[in-house]
Amino acid sequence: MASTTRLLGISGSLRNKSYNTAALRVAMSLAPEGVVFDAFDLGSIPLYNDDVRIEGYPPSVARLREMIAAADGVLIVTPEYNYSVAGVLKNAIDWASRPPEQPFDGKPIAIMSASTGMLGGARAQYHLRQIFVYLNSIVLNRPEVMIAAANKRFDDDGKLNDEPTREIIGKLVAALTAAARQRKAG
């Protein structure tokens, strides 16, 4: 019997009706058989302060680090703010990546974004790729999922109403699952 593959999803948005969080829910619903797909809400992560870290990780940060370490792969879904990564997401990555045993090291990472703009969060994705190169993660190159005009692809309740978008999200989840299983197999 094949072992369970664990994926972790993180939305870089705290907004209740976030298109990125809605896209993460779609991704989680498309997980193949044998995949446990958890999510972590960044709302409880405090602002990074190394003086605090030296005294010990806050409980929410310790939990995030544990969940990243336990995951075979991580899906990051981010909005784009001011041509870059959302502050709450960057803050969480900064907390999670501190020593000891930085949990992103060698971990397969998939990136997805949704935006009401025409580029679908592309610039935020490229900044995330730079961050994860430094953290020695294995960032998936394809498929690139940049959901442009998200306000036309999701309804007011966050339900995705665009089949081509659903298909590309499914391909990304399948690629992350394959990368996670390959790394796990050694």
N, C-alpha and C. Protein backbone atom coordinates (compact mmCIF):
# COMPACT_ATOMS: atom_id res chain seq x y z
N MET A 1 0.84 -1.17 0.00
CA MET A 1 0.00 0.00 0.00
C MET A 1 0.89 1.25 0.00
N ALA A 2 0.56 2.22 -0.83
CA ALA A 2 1.32 3.46 -0.90
C ALA A 2 1.08 4.29 0.37
N SER A 3 2.13 4.97 0.80
CA SER A 3 1.97 5.80 1.99
C SER A 3 1.27 7.11 1.62
N THR A 4 0.73 7.76 2.61
CA THR A 4 0.03 9.02 2.42
C THR A 4 1.02 10.12 2.09
N THR A 5 0.64 10.97 1.17
CA THR A 5 1.42 12.16 0.84
C THR A 5 0.76 13.34 1.52
N ARG A 6 1.56 14.13 2.25
CA ARG A 6 1.04 15.28 2.98
C ARG A 6 1.41 16.56 2.26
N LEU A 7 0.40 17.35 1.94
CA LEU A 7 0.62 18.67 1.36
C LEU A 7 0.10 19.72 2.33
N LEU A 8 0.75 20.87 2.30
CA LEU A 8 0.34 22.00 3.13
C LEU A 8 0.06 23.18 2.22
N GLY A 9 -1.08 23.81 2.40
CA GLY A 9 -1.43 25.00 1.65
C GLY A 9 -1.41 26.22 2.55
N ILE A 10 -0.85 27.30 2.01
CA ILE A 10 -0.77 28.57 2.74
C ILE A 10 -1.25 29.68 1.82
N SER A 11 -2.27 30.41 2.25
CA SER A 11 -2.71 31.59 1.52
C SER A 11 -2.05 32.81 2.13
N GLY A 12 -1.52 33.66 1.27
CA GLY A 12 -0.88 34.89 1.74
C GLY A 12 -1.85 36.04 1.96
N SER A 13 -3.13 35.74 2.03
CA SER A 13 -4.13 36.77 2.24
C SER A 13 -4.92 36.49 3.50
N LEU A 14 -5.22 37.54 4.23
CA LEU A 14 -6.05 37.42 5.44
C LEU A 14 -7.50 37.85 5.17
N ARG A 15 -7.78 38.35 3.99
CA ARG A 15 -9.10 38.86 3.65
C ARG A 15 -10.13 37.74 3.63
N ASN A 16 -11.29 37.97 4.22
CA ASN A 16 -12.34 36.95 4.29
C ASN A 16 -12.75 36.43 2.93
N LYS A 17 -12.90 37.30 1.95
CA LYS A 17 -13.33 36.89 0.61
C LYS A 17 -12.16 36.90 -0.36
N SER A 18 -11.02 36.46 0.10
CA SER A 18 -9.80 36.44 -0.71
C SER A 18 -9.93 35.47 -1.88
N TYR A 19 -9.58 35.94 -3.07
CA TYR A 19 -9.54 35.05 -4.23
C TYR A 19 -8.43 34.02 -4.08
N ASN A 20 -7.35 34.40 -3.40
CA ASN A 20 -6.24 33.46 -3.20
C ASN A 20 -6.63 32.33 -2.27
N THR A 21 -7.33 32.66 -1.20
CA THR A 21 -7.81 31.62 -0.29
C THR A 21 -8.84 30.75 -0.99
N ALA A 22 -9.67 31.35 -1.82
CA ALA A 22 -10.65 30.58 -2.60
C ALA A 22 -9.92 29.63 -3.56
N ALA A 23 -8.85 30.12 -4.20
CA ALA A 23 -8.06 29.27 -5.10
C ALA A 23 -7.40 28.13 -4.33
N LEU A 24 -6.95 28.40 -3.10
CA LEU A 24 -6.38 27.34 -2.28
C LEU A 24 -7.43 26.27 -1.97
N ARG A 25 -8.65 26.69 -1.66
CA ARG A 25 -9.72 25.72 -1.40
C ARG A 25 -9.97 24.85 -2.63
N VAL A 26 -9.94 25.45 -3.81
CA VAL A 26 -10.11 24.67 -5.04
C VAL A 26 -8.97 23.66 -5.15
N ALA A 27 -7.75 24.10 -4.94
CA ALA A 27 -6.60 23.19 -5.02
C ALA A 27 -6.76 22.03 -4.05
N MET A 28 -7.16 22.32 -2.83
CA MET A 28 -7.32 21.27 -1.83
C MET A 28 -8.39 20.27 -2.26
N SER A 29 -9.43 20.75 -2.92
CA SER A 29 -10.51 19.86 -3.35
C SER A 29 -10.08 18.97 -4.51
N LEU A 30 -9.01 19.33 -5.19
CA LEU A 30 -8.54 18.57 -6.34
C LEU A 30 -7.39 17.62 -6.01
N ALA A 31 -7.10 17.47 -4.74
CA ALA A 31 -6.00 16.57 -4.34
C ALA A 31 -6.30 15.13 -4.75
N PRO A 32 -5.31 14.46 -5.33
CA PRO A 32 -5.51 13.07 -5.73
C PRO A 32 -5.68 12.14 -4.53
N GLU A 33 -6.13 10.94 -4.82
CA GLU A 33 -6.27 9.94 -3.77
C GLU A 33 -4.92 9.69 -3.11
N GLY A 34 -4.96 9.50 -1.81
CA GLY A 34 -3.73 9.24 -1.06
C GLY A 34 -3.02 10.50 -0.59
N VAL A 35 -3.67 11.67 -0.81
CA VAL A 35 -3.08 12.95 -0.39
C VAL A 35 -3.91 13.53 0.74
N VAL A 36 -3.24 13.91 1.81
CA VAL A 36 -3.86 14.68 2.89
C VAL A 36 -3.38 16.11 2.69
N PHE A 37 -4.31 17.02 2.51
CA PHE A 37 -3.98 18.40 2.17
C PHE A 37 -4.49 19.30 3.28
N ASP A 38 -3.58 19.81 4.10
CA ASP A 38 -3.93 20.69 5.21
C ASP A 38 -3.69 22.14 4.79
N ALA A 39 -4.25 23.06 5.55
CA ALA A 39 -4.02 24.48 5.31
C ALA A 39 -3.62 25.14 6.63
N PHE A 40 -2.84 26.20 6.52
CA PHE A 40 -2.47 26.99 7.69
C PHE A 40 -2.91 28.42 7.46
N ASP A 41 -3.62 28.99 8.44
CA ASP A 41 -4.09 30.37 8.39
C ASP A 41 -3.04 31.27 9.04
N LEU A 42 -2.52 32.24 8.29
CA LEU A 42 -1.45 33.11 8.78
C LEU A 42 -1.91 34.17 9.76
N GLY A 43 -3.21 34.26 10.03
CA GLY A 43 -3.74 35.30 10.89
C GLY A 43 -3.18 35.33 12.30
N SER A 44 -2.66 34.23 12.79
CA SER A 44 -2.16 34.17 14.16
C SER A 44 -0.65 34.43 14.27
N ILE A 45 0.03 34.63 13.15
CA ILE A 45 1.49 34.82 13.16
C ILE A 45 1.79 36.28 13.53
N PRO A 46 2.58 36.50 14.60
CA PRO A 46 2.93 37.87 14.99
C PRO A 46 3.98 38.46 14.03
N LEU A 47 4.18 39.75 14.12
CA LEU A 47 5.25 40.37 13.34
C LEU A 47 6.60 39.81 13.77
N TYR A 48 7.46 39.58 12.79
CA TYR A 48 8.76 38.97 13.10
C TYR A 48 9.58 39.90 13.98
N ASN A 49 10.17 39.31 15.03
CA ASN A 49 11.05 40.03 15.93
C ASN A 49 12.08 39.01 16.42
N ASP A 50 13.33 39.21 16.04
CA ASP A 50 14.36 38.24 16.39
C ASP A 50 14.60 38.16 17.89
N ASP A 51 14.34 39.24 18.62
CA ASP A 51 14.46 39.18 20.09
C ASP A 51 13.47 38.16 20.65
N VAL A 52 12.27 38.12 20.08
CA VAL A 52 11.26 37.15 20.52
C VAL A 52 11.71 35.75 20.13
N ARG A 53 12.20 35.59 18.89
CA ARG A 53 12.63 34.27 18.41
C ARG A 53 13.73 33.69 19.29
N ILE A 54 14.65 34.52 19.71
CA ILE A 54 15.76 34.05 20.55
C ILE A 54 15.24 33.46 21.87
N GLU A 55 14.14 34.02 22.36
CA GLU A 55 13.52 33.52 23.59
C GLU A 55 12.70 32.26 23.36
N GLY A 56 12.34 32.01 22.11
CA GLY A 56 11.54 30.84 21.75
C GLY A 56 10.45 31.23 20.78
N TYR A 57 10.16 30.33 19.87
CA TYR A 57 9.13 30.61 18.87
C TYR A 57 7.76 30.75 19.52
N PRO A 58 6.97 31.76 19.10
CA PRO A 58 5.59 31.83 19.56
C PRO A 58 4.85 30.55 19.13
N PRO A 59 3.84 30.12 19.87
CA PRO A 59 3.15 28.86 19.55
C PRO A 59 2.65 28.77 18.11
N SER A 60 2.09 29.86 17.56
CA SER A 60 1.58 29.79 16.19
C SER A 60 2.73 29.59 15.19
N VAL A 61 3.86 30.18 15.45
CA VAL A 61 5.02 30.02 14.57
C VAL A 61 5.58 28.60 14.70
N ALA A 62 5.66 28.11 15.92
CA ALA A 62 6.13 26.74 16.13
C ALA A 62 5.23 25.75 15.38
N ARG A 63 3.92 25.99 15.42
CA ARG A 63 2.97 25.11 14.71
C ARG A 63 3.17 25.19 13.20
N LEU A 64 3.36 26.39 12.68
CA LEU A 64 3.62 26.55 11.25
C LEU A 64 4.89 25.80 10.85
N ARG A 65 5.95 25.96 11.62
CA ARG A 65 7.21 25.27 11.32
C ARG A 65 7.02 23.74 11.35
N GLU A 66 6.27 23.26 12.33
CA GLU A 66 6.00 21.82 12.43
C GLU A 66 5.21 21.33 11.21
N MET A 67 4.23 22.10 10.78
CA MET A 67 3.40 21.69 9.65
C MET A 67 4.20 21.70 8.35
N ILE A 68 5.07 22.69 8.19
CA ILE A 68 5.94 22.71 7.00
C ILE A 68 6.87 21.51 7.02
N ALA A 69 7.49 21.25 8.16
CA ALA A 69 8.42 20.13 8.28
C ALA A 69 7.73 18.80 8.00
N ALA A 70 6.49 18.65 8.45
CA ALA A 70 5.75 17.39 8.28
C ALA A 70 5.22 17.21 6.86
N ALA A 71 5.10 18.30 6.12
CA ALA A 71 4.54 18.23 4.77
C ALA A 71 5.58 17.69 3.79
N ASP A 72 5.10 16.93 2.83
CA ASP A 72 5.96 16.45 1.74
C ASP A 72 6.09 17.50 0.65
N GLY A 73 5.17 18.45 0.61
CA GLY A 73 5.19 19.55 -0.35
C GLY A 73 4.31 20.67 0.14
N VAL A 74 4.59 21.89 -0.33
CA VAL A 74 3.86 23.06 0.13
C VAL A 74 3.35 23.85 -1.07
N LEU A 75 2.08 24.26 -1.00
CA LEU A 75 1.49 25.13 -2.01
C LEU A 75 1.30 26.50 -1.38
N ILE A 76 1.94 27.49 -1.97
CA ILE A 76 1.80 28.87 -1.52
C ILE A 76 0.91 29.58 -2.53
N VAL A 77 -0.14 30.24 -2.03
CA VAL A 77 -1.05 31.00 -2.88
C VAL A 77 -0.99 32.45 -2.40
N THR A 78 -0.57 33.34 -3.28
CA THR A 78 -0.31 34.70 -2.82
C THR A 78 -0.98 35.78 -3.65
N PRO A 79 -1.48 36.79 -2.98
CA PRO A 79 -1.87 37.99 -3.71
C PRO A 79 -0.61 38.78 -4.07
N GLU A 80 -0.78 39.78 -4.90
CA GLU A 80 0.33 40.68 -5.22
C GLU A 80 -0.02 42.06 -4.70
N TYR A 81 0.85 42.59 -3.85
CA TYR A 81 0.67 43.93 -3.32
C TYR A 81 1.88 44.75 -3.72
N ASN A 82 1.65 45.88 -4.36
CA ASN A 82 2.74 46.78 -4.76
C ASN A 82 3.84 46.06 -5.53
N TYR A 83 3.41 45.21 -6.47
CA TYR A 83 4.32 44.45 -7.34
C TYR A 83 5.13 43.40 -6.60
N SER A 84 4.71 42.98 -5.42
CA SER A 84 5.51 42.03 -4.66
C SER A 84 4.63 41.12 -3.81
N VAL A 85 5.29 40.38 -2.95
CA VAL A 85 4.68 39.40 -2.05
C VAL A 85 3.91 40.12 -0.94
N ALA A 86 2.79 39.57 -0.56
CA ALA A 86 2.01 40.12 0.55
C ALA A 86 2.85 40.11 1.83
N GLY A 87 2.75 41.18 2.60
CA GLY A 87 3.55 41.31 3.81
C GLY A 87 3.34 40.18 4.81
N VAL A 88 2.08 39.74 4.99
CA VAL A 88 1.82 38.69 5.97
C VAL A 88 2.49 37.38 5.55
N LEU A 89 2.56 37.13 4.25
CA LEU A 89 3.22 35.91 3.77
C LEU A 89 4.73 36.01 3.95
N LYS A 90 5.31 37.13 3.58
CA LYS A 90 6.76 37.31 3.75
C LYS A 90 7.12 37.20 5.23
N ASN A 91 6.32 37.80 6.09
CA ASN A 91 6.54 37.72 7.53
C ASN A 91 6.53 36.27 8.02
N ALA A 92 5.57 35.48 7.56
CA ALA A 92 5.48 34.07 7.97
C ALA A 92 6.68 33.27 7.47
N ILE A 93 7.09 33.54 6.23
CA ILE A 93 8.27 32.85 5.69
C ILE A 93 9.51 33.22 6.50
N ASP A 94 9.63 34.49 6.86
CA ASP A 94 10.78 34.92 7.67
C ASP A 94 10.80 34.19 9.02
N TRP A 95 9.65 34.09 9.67
CA TRP A 95 9.57 33.36 10.94
C TRP A 95 9.93 31.88 10.73
N ALA A 96 9.30 31.27 9.76
CA ALA A 96 9.45 29.82 9.57
C ALA A 96 10.86 29.42 9.16
N SER A 97 11.56 30.31 8.48
CA SER A 97 12.86 29.95 7.91
C SER A 97 14.05 30.19 8.83
N ARG A 98 13.81 30.61 10.05
CA ARG A 98 14.92 30.85 10.97
C ARG A 98 15.45 29.53 11.52
N PRO A 99 16.70 29.53 11.96
CA PRO A 99 17.27 28.30 12.54
C PRO A 99 16.61 27.97 13.87
N PRO A 100 16.74 26.78 14.34
CA PRO A 100 17.43 25.66 13.71
C PRO A 100 16.51 24.91 12.74
N GLU A 101 17.10 24.10 11.90
CA GLU A 101 16.39 23.20 11.00
C GLU A 101 15.31 23.92 10.20
N GLN A 102 15.74 24.80 9.33
CA GLN A 102 14.86 25.56 8.45
C GLN A 102 14.01 24.58 7.64
N PRO A 103 12.69 24.56 7.79
CA PRO A 103 11.86 23.50 7.23
C PRO A 103 11.61 23.56 5.72
N PHE A 104 11.98 24.65 5.05
CA PHE A 104 11.79 24.74 3.61
C PHE A 104 12.93 24.08 2.83
N ASP A 105 14.02 23.75 3.51
CA ASP A 105 15.21 23.21 2.85
C ASP A 105 14.89 21.91 2.10
N GLY A 106 15.06 21.91 0.79
CA GLY A 106 14.83 20.73 -0.03
C GLY A 106 13.37 20.37 -0.25
N LYS A 107 12.45 21.21 0.22
CA LYS A 107 11.01 20.92 0.15
C LYS A 107 10.44 21.35 -1.21
N PRO A 108 9.66 20.49 -1.87
CA PRO A 108 8.97 20.92 -3.09
C PRO A 108 7.93 22.00 -2.77
N ILE A 109 7.98 23.08 -3.55
CA ILE A 109 7.09 24.22 -3.35
C ILE A 109 6.39 24.52 -4.68
N ALA A 110 5.09 24.67 -4.63
CA ALA A 110 4.32 25.13 -5.79
C ALA A 110 3.78 26.51 -5.44
N ILE A 111 3.71 27.37 -6.44
CA ILE A 111 3.25 28.74 -6.24
C ILE A 111 2.08 29.01 -7.17
N MET A 112 1.07 29.69 -6.63
CA MET A 112 -0.10 30.06 -7.39
C MET A 112 -0.53 31.44 -6.90
N SER A 113 -1.15 32.22 -7.78
CA SER A 113 -1.63 33.54 -7.36
C SER A 113 -2.91 33.89 -8.10
N ALA A 114 -3.67 34.77 -7.48
CA ALA A 114 -4.90 35.28 -8.08
C ALA A 114 -4.94 36.78 -7.86
N SER A 115 -5.38 37.48 -8.89
CA SER A 115 -5.43 38.93 -8.83
C SER A 115 -6.55 39.43 -9.72
N THR A 116 -7.08 40.58 -9.40
CA THR A 116 -8.07 41.19 -10.28
C THR A 116 -7.39 41.84 -11.49
N GLY A 117 -6.08 41.97 -11.45
CA GLY A 117 -5.33 42.58 -12.54
C GLY A 117 -5.07 41.61 -13.69
N MET A 118 -4.42 42.13 -14.72
CA MET A 118 -4.19 41.36 -15.94
C MET A 118 -3.04 40.35 -15.83
N LEU A 119 -2.13 40.54 -14.87
CA LEU A 119 -0.98 39.65 -14.76
C LEU A 119 -1.19 38.53 -13.75
N GLY A 120 -2.26 38.56 -13.00
CA GLY A 120 -2.59 37.45 -12.12
C GLY A 120 -1.62 37.22 -10.98
N GLY A 121 -0.87 38.26 -10.58
CA GLY A 121 0.06 38.10 -9.47
C GLY A 121 1.44 37.63 -9.89
N ALA A 122 1.78 37.76 -11.15
CA ALA A 122 3.06 37.25 -11.67
C ALA A 122 4.27 37.82 -10.94
N ARG A 123 4.25 39.11 -10.65
CA ARG A 123 5.42 39.73 -10.01
C ARG A 123 5.62 39.18 -8.59
N ALA A 124 4.55 38.96 -7.87
CA ALA A 124 4.66 38.36 -6.54
C ALA A 124 5.25 36.96 -6.63
N GLN A 125 4.83 36.20 -7.64
CA GLN A 125 5.36 34.85 -7.82
C GLN A 125 6.87 34.88 -8.06
N TYR A 126 7.32 35.80 -8.87
CA TYR A 126 8.75 35.85 -9.16
C TYR A 126 9.55 36.23 -7.92
N HIS A 127 9.01 37.09 -7.08
CA HIS A 127 9.69 37.41 -5.83
C HIS A 127 9.71 36.20 -4.90
N LEU A 128 8.61 35.46 -4.85
CA LEU A 128 8.59 34.24 -4.04
C LEU A 128 9.63 33.24 -4.52
N ARG A 129 9.76 33.11 -5.82
CA ARG A 129 10.78 32.20 -6.36
C ARG A 129 12.16 32.59 -5.87
N GLN A 130 12.47 33.88 -5.85
CA GLN A 130 13.77 34.35 -5.36
C GLN A 130 13.96 33.97 -3.89
N ILE A 131 12.93 34.16 -3.11
CA ILE A 131 13.01 33.82 -1.68
C ILE A 131 13.29 32.33 -1.51
N PHE A 132 12.56 31.50 -2.25
CA PHE A 132 12.70 30.06 -2.08
C PHE A 132 13.99 29.51 -2.68
N VAL A 133 14.58 30.21 -3.63
CA VAL A 133 15.92 29.81 -4.11
C VAL A 133 16.90 29.93 -2.95
N TYR A 134 16.84 31.06 -2.23
CA TYR A 134 17.73 31.24 -1.09
C TYR A 134 17.50 30.17 -0.01
N LEU A 135 16.25 29.78 0.17
CA LEU A 135 15.92 28.80 1.20
C LEU A 135 16.17 27.36 0.74
N ASN A 136 16.69 27.19 -0.46
CA ASN A 136 17.05 25.88 -1.01
C ASN A 136 15.85 24.95 -1.17
N SER A 137 14.73 25.55 -1.53
CA SER A 137 13.53 24.77 -1.81
C SER A 137 13.56 24.32 -3.27
N ILE A 138 12.72 23.35 -3.58
CA ILE A 138 12.58 22.88 -4.95
C ILE A 138 11.29 23.49 -5.48
N VAL A 139 11.41 24.62 -6.18
CA VAL A 139 10.23 25.33 -6.68
C VAL A 139 9.83 24.76 -8.03
N LEU A 140 8.59 24.34 -8.15
CA LEU A 140 8.10 23.82 -9.42
C LEU A 140 8.05 24.93 -10.46
N ASN A 141 8.54 24.62 -11.64
CA ASN A 141 8.53 25.61 -12.72
C ASN A 141 7.22 25.63 -13.49
N ARG A 142 6.58 24.47 -13.59
CA ARG A 142 5.34 24.37 -14.36
C ARG A 142 4.36 23.46 -13.66
N PRO A 143 3.09 23.66 -13.87
CA PRO A 143 2.53 24.78 -14.61
C PRO A 143 2.55 26.05 -13.78
N GLU A 144 2.66 27.18 -14.46
CA GLU A 144 2.53 28.46 -13.78
C GLU A 144 1.04 28.78 -13.70
N VAL A 145 0.57 29.06 -12.50
CA VAL A 145 -0.86 29.37 -12.32
C VAL A 145 -0.97 30.79 -11.80
N MET A 146 -1.33 31.68 -12.71
CA MET A 146 -1.52 33.09 -12.39
C MET A 146 -2.94 33.44 -12.84
N ILE A 147 -3.83 33.51 -11.88
CA ILE A 147 -5.24 33.70 -12.18
C ILE A 147 -5.54 35.19 -12.32
N ALA A 148 -5.58 35.66 -13.56
CA ALA A 148 -5.90 37.06 -13.85
C ALA A 148 -7.42 37.25 -13.80
N ALA A 149 -7.84 38.49 -13.60
CA ALA A 149 -9.28 38.82 -13.56
C ALA A 149 -10.03 37.86 -12.63
N ALA A 150 -9.46 37.64 -11.47
CA ALA A 150 -10.04 36.68 -10.52
C ALA A 150 -11.47 37.06 -10.14
N ASN A 151 -11.78 38.32 -10.15
CA ASN A 151 -13.14 38.75 -9.82
C ASN A 151 -14.17 38.28 -10.84
N LYS A 152 -13.71 37.86 -12.01
CA LYS A 152 -14.62 37.31 -13.02
C LYS A 152 -14.61 35.79 -13.03
N ARG A 153 -13.64 35.18 -12.36
CA ARG A 153 -13.52 33.72 -12.36
C ARG A 153 -14.12 33.09 -11.10
N PHE A 154 -14.27 33.90 -10.05
CA PHE A 154 -14.87 33.45 -8.79
C PHE A 154 -16.15 34.25 -8.57
N ASP A 155 -17.17 33.57 -8.01
CA ASP A 155 -18.39 34.31 -7.69
C ASP A 155 -18.26 34.99 -6.33
N ASP A 156 -19.30 35.64 -5.87
CA ASP A 156 -19.26 36.38 -4.60
C ASP A 156 -19.04 35.48 -3.39
N ASP A 157 -19.33 34.19 -3.54
CA ASP A 157 -19.13 33.24 -2.45
C ASP A 157 -17.78 32.52 -2.53
N GLY A 158 -16.94 32.92 -3.49
CA GLY A 158 -15.62 32.30 -3.62
C GLY A 158 -15.61 31.01 -4.42
N LYS A 159 -16.72 30.72 -5.11
CA LYS A 159 -16.78 29.51 -5.92
C LYS A 159 -16.19 29.81 -7.30
N LEU A 160 -15.27 28.95 -7.72
CA LEU A 160 -14.65 29.08 -9.03
C LEU A 160 -15.65 28.70 -10.10
N ASN A 161 -15.85 29.59 -11.08
CA ASN A 161 -16.80 29.30 -12.15
C ASN A 161 -16.12 29.27 -13.53
N ASP A 162 -14.84 28.96 -13.55
CA ASP A 162 -14.07 28.94 -14.80
C ASP A 162 -13.35 27.60 -14.92
N GLU A 163 -13.81 26.76 -15.82
CA GLU A 163 -13.27 25.40 -15.95
C GLU A 163 -11.79 25.37 -16.36
N PRO A 164 -11.33 26.20 -17.30
CA PRO A 164 -9.88 26.17 -17.62
C PRO A 164 -9.00 26.50 -16.40
N THR A 165 -9.46 27.40 -15.54
CA THR A 165 -8.71 27.71 -14.32
C THR A 165 -8.69 26.50 -13.39
N ARG A 166 -9.81 25.83 -13.24
CA ARG A 166 -9.88 24.63 -12.42
C ARG A 166 -8.91 23.56 -12.95
N GLU A 167 -8.86 23.41 -14.25
CA GLU A 167 -7.97 22.41 -14.86
C GLU A 167 -6.50 22.71 -14.59
N ILE A 168 -6.10 23.97 -14.71
CA ILE A 168 -4.69 24.30 -14.50
C ILE A 168 -4.33 24.19 -13.02
N ILE A 169 -5.26 24.52 -12.14
CA ILE A 169 -5.02 24.32 -10.70
C ILE A 169 -4.84 22.82 -10.42
N GLY A 170 -5.67 22.00 -11.03
CA GLY A 170 -5.54 20.54 -10.86
C GLY A 170 -4.19 20.04 -11.35
N LYS A 171 -3.72 20.58 -12.46
CA LYS A 171 -2.40 20.18 -12.97
C LYS A 171 -1.28 20.59 -12.02
N LEU A 172 -1.42 21.76 -11.40
CA LEU A 172 -0.42 22.19 -10.43
C LEU A 172 -0.41 21.27 -9.20
N VAL A 173 -1.58 20.93 -8.70
CA VAL A 173 -1.67 20.02 -7.55
C VAL A 173 -1.09 18.66 -7.91
N ALA A 174 -1.36 18.18 -9.11
CA ALA A 174 -0.81 16.89 -9.55
C ALA A 174 0.72 16.97 -9.65
N ALA A 175 1.25 18.08 -10.15
CA ALA A 175 2.71 18.24 -10.27
C ALA A 175 3.36 18.31 -8.89
N LEU A 176 2.73 19.03 -7.96
CA LEU A 176 3.27 19.11 -6.60
C LEU A 176 3.22 17.74 -5.93
N THR A 177 2.13 17.02 -6.11
CA THR A 177 2.01 15.67 -5.54
C THR A 177 3.10 14.76 -6.09
N ALA A 178 3.33 14.82 -7.39
CA ALA A 178 4.37 13.98 -8.01
C ALA A 178 5.75 14.34 -7.48
N ALA A 179 6.04 15.63 -7.36
CA ALA A 179 7.35 16.07 -6.84
C ALA A 179 7.52 15.64 -5.38
N ALA A 180 6.45 15.77 -4.60
CA ALA A 180 6.51 15.37 -3.18
C ALA A 180 6.73 13.87 -3.05
N ARG A 181 6.03 13.08 -3.86
CA ARG A 181 6.19 11.64 -3.81
C ARG A 181 7.57 11.21 -4.28
N GLN A 182 8.09 11.88 -5.29
CA GLN A 182 9.43 11.55 -5.79
C GLN A 182 10.48 11.84 -4.74
N ARG A 183 10.38 13.00 -4.08
CA ARG A 183 11.34 13.34 -3.03
C ARG A 183 11.24 12.37 -1.86
N LYS A 184 10.02 12.02 -1.52
CA LYS A 184 9.78 11.10 -0.41
C LYS A 184 10.35 9.71 -0.69
N ALA A 185 10.26 9.27 -1.96
CA ALA A 185 10.77 7.95 -2.35
C ALA A 185 12.29 7.92 -2.34
N GLY A 186 12.89 9.10 -2.35
CA GLY A 186 14.33 9.16 -2.24
C GLY A 186 15.01 9.16 -3.55
